[in-house]
Amino acid sequence: MRGMGRSEGLGVGAWLLILVGILVLAGAVALTVYGGSVRPQQHEVEQVISNDRFPS
């Protein structure tokens, strides 16, 4: 007969919390690796100055 206070190991709730913790930790590591490897795109910028700014 099984009682409420069984001492055979961790319950389902504890295993679920451990699994969620492992998934959160793995996600944090993955985001850290991804964030360290991504570089922003560089765009070429050209500024046009009107002829009014040059001496005649």
C-alpha atoms as a PDB file:
ATOM      1  CA  MET A   1       0.000   0.000   0.000  1.00  0.00           C
ATOM      2  CA  ARG A   2       1.352   3.433  -0.970  1.00  0.00           C
ATOM      3  CA  GLY A   3       1.189   6.273   1.454  1.00  0.00           C
ATOM      4  CA  MET A   4       1.445  10.013   0.904  1.00  0.00           C
ATOM      5  CA  GLY A   5       4.865  10.226   2.533  1.00  0.00           C
ATOM      6  CA  ARG A   6       6.790   7.840   0.351  1.00  0.00           C
ATOM      7  CA  SER A   7      10.550   8.095   0.601  1.00  0.00           C
ATOM      8  CA  GLU A   8      11.539   6.163  -2.526  1.00  0.00           C
ATOM      9  CA  GLY A   9      12.865   9.185  -4.382  1.00  0.00           C
ATOM     10  CA  LEU A  10      11.795  12.451  -5.894  1.00  0.00           C
ATOM     11  CA  GLY A  11       8.179  13.008  -6.823  1.00  0.00           C
ATOM     12  CA  VAL A  12       6.854  13.972 -10.231  1.00  0.00           C
ATOM     13  CA  GLY A  13       6.721  17.651  -9.277  1.00  0.00           C
ATOM     14  CA  ALA A  14      10.371  17.707  -8.268  1.00  0.00           C
ATOM     15  CA  TRP A  15      11.415  15.984 -11.502  1.00  0.00           C
ATOM     16  CA  LEU A  16       9.370  18.514 -13.476  1.00  0.00           C
ATOM     17  CA  LEU A  17      11.062  21.415 -11.680  1.00  0.00           C
ATOM     18  CA  ILE A  18      14.488  19.903 -12.359  1.00  0.00           C
ATOM     19  CA  LEU A  19      13.617  19.452 -16.052  1.00  0.00           C
ATOM     20  CA  VAL A  20      12.381  23.041 -16.350  1.00  0.00           C
ATOM     21  CA  GLY A  21      15.554  24.283 -14.635  1.00  0.00           C
ATOM     22  CA  ILE A  22      17.746  22.329 -17.048  1.00  0.00           C
ATOM     23  CA  LEU A  23      15.803  23.692 -20.026  1.00  0.00           C
ATOM     24  CA  VAL A  24      16.125  27.279 -18.755  1.00  0.00           C
ATOM     25  CA  LEU A  25      19.852  26.809 -18.194  1.00  0.00           C
ATOM     26  CA  ALA A  26      20.322  25.297 -21.660  1.00  0.00           C
ATOM     27  CA  GLY A  27      18.384  28.180 -23.207  1.00  0.00           C
ATOM     28  CA  ALA A  28      20.527  30.741 -21.386  1.00  0.00           C
ATOM     29  CA  VAL A  29      23.715  29.052 -22.596  1.00  0.00           C
ATOM     30  CA  ALA A  30      22.383  28.891 -26.158  1.00  0.00           C
ATOM     31  CA  LEU A  31      21.437  32.581 -26.134  1.00  0.00           C
ATOM     32  CA  THR A  32      24.854  33.500 -24.736  1.00  0.00           C
ATOM     33  CA  VAL A  33      26.651  31.577 -27.489  1.00  0.00           C
ATOM     34  CA  TYR A  34      24.354  32.991 -30.176  1.00  0.00           C
ATOM     35  CA  GLY A  35      24.656  36.542 -28.861  1.00  0.00           C
ATOM     36  CA  GLY A  36      28.440  36.319 -28.844  1.00  0.00           C
ATOM     37  CA  SER A  37      28.632  35.103 -32.437  1.00  0.00           C
ATOM     38  CA  VAL A  38      26.209  37.520 -34.135  1.00  0.00           C
ATOM     39  CA  ARG A  39      27.664  40.672 -35.644  1.00  0.00           C
ATOM     40  CA  PRO A  40      25.584  43.672 -36.748  1.00  0.00           C
ATOM     41  CA  GLN A  41      25.329  44.376 -40.457  1.00  0.00           C
ATOM     42  CA  GLN A  42      27.393  47.287 -41.716  1.00  0.00           C
ATOM     43  CA  HIS A  43      25.839  49.681 -44.197  1.00  0.00           C
ATOM     44  CA  GLU A  44      27.704  52.100 -46.420  1.00  0.00           C
ATOM     45  CA  VAL A  45      26.574  55.674 -45.779  1.00  0.00           C
ATOM     46  CA  GLU A  46      27.152  58.458 -48.283  1.00  0.00           C
ATOM     47  CA  GLN A  47      26.546  62.063 -47.317  1.00  0.00           C
ATOM     48  CA  VAL A  48      25.746  64.568 -50.050  1.00  0.00           C
ATOM     49  CA  ILE A  49      26.683  68.208 -49.408  1.00  0.00           C
ATOM     50  CA  SER A  50      24.957  70.907 -51.417  1.00  0.00           C
ATOM     51  CA  ASN A  51      27.012  73.315 -53.555  1.00  0.00           C
ATOM     52  CA  ASP A  52      25.946  76.211 -51.332  1.00  0.00           C
ATOM     53  CA  ARG A  53      28.495  75.128 -48.754  1.00  0.00           C
ATOM     54  CA  PHE A  54      31.503  75.540 -51.074  1.00  0.00           C
ATOM     55  CA  PRO A  55      33.090  78.931 -51.836  1.00  0.00           C
ATOM     56  CA  SER A  56      32.482  80.158 -55.382  1.00  0.00           C
END
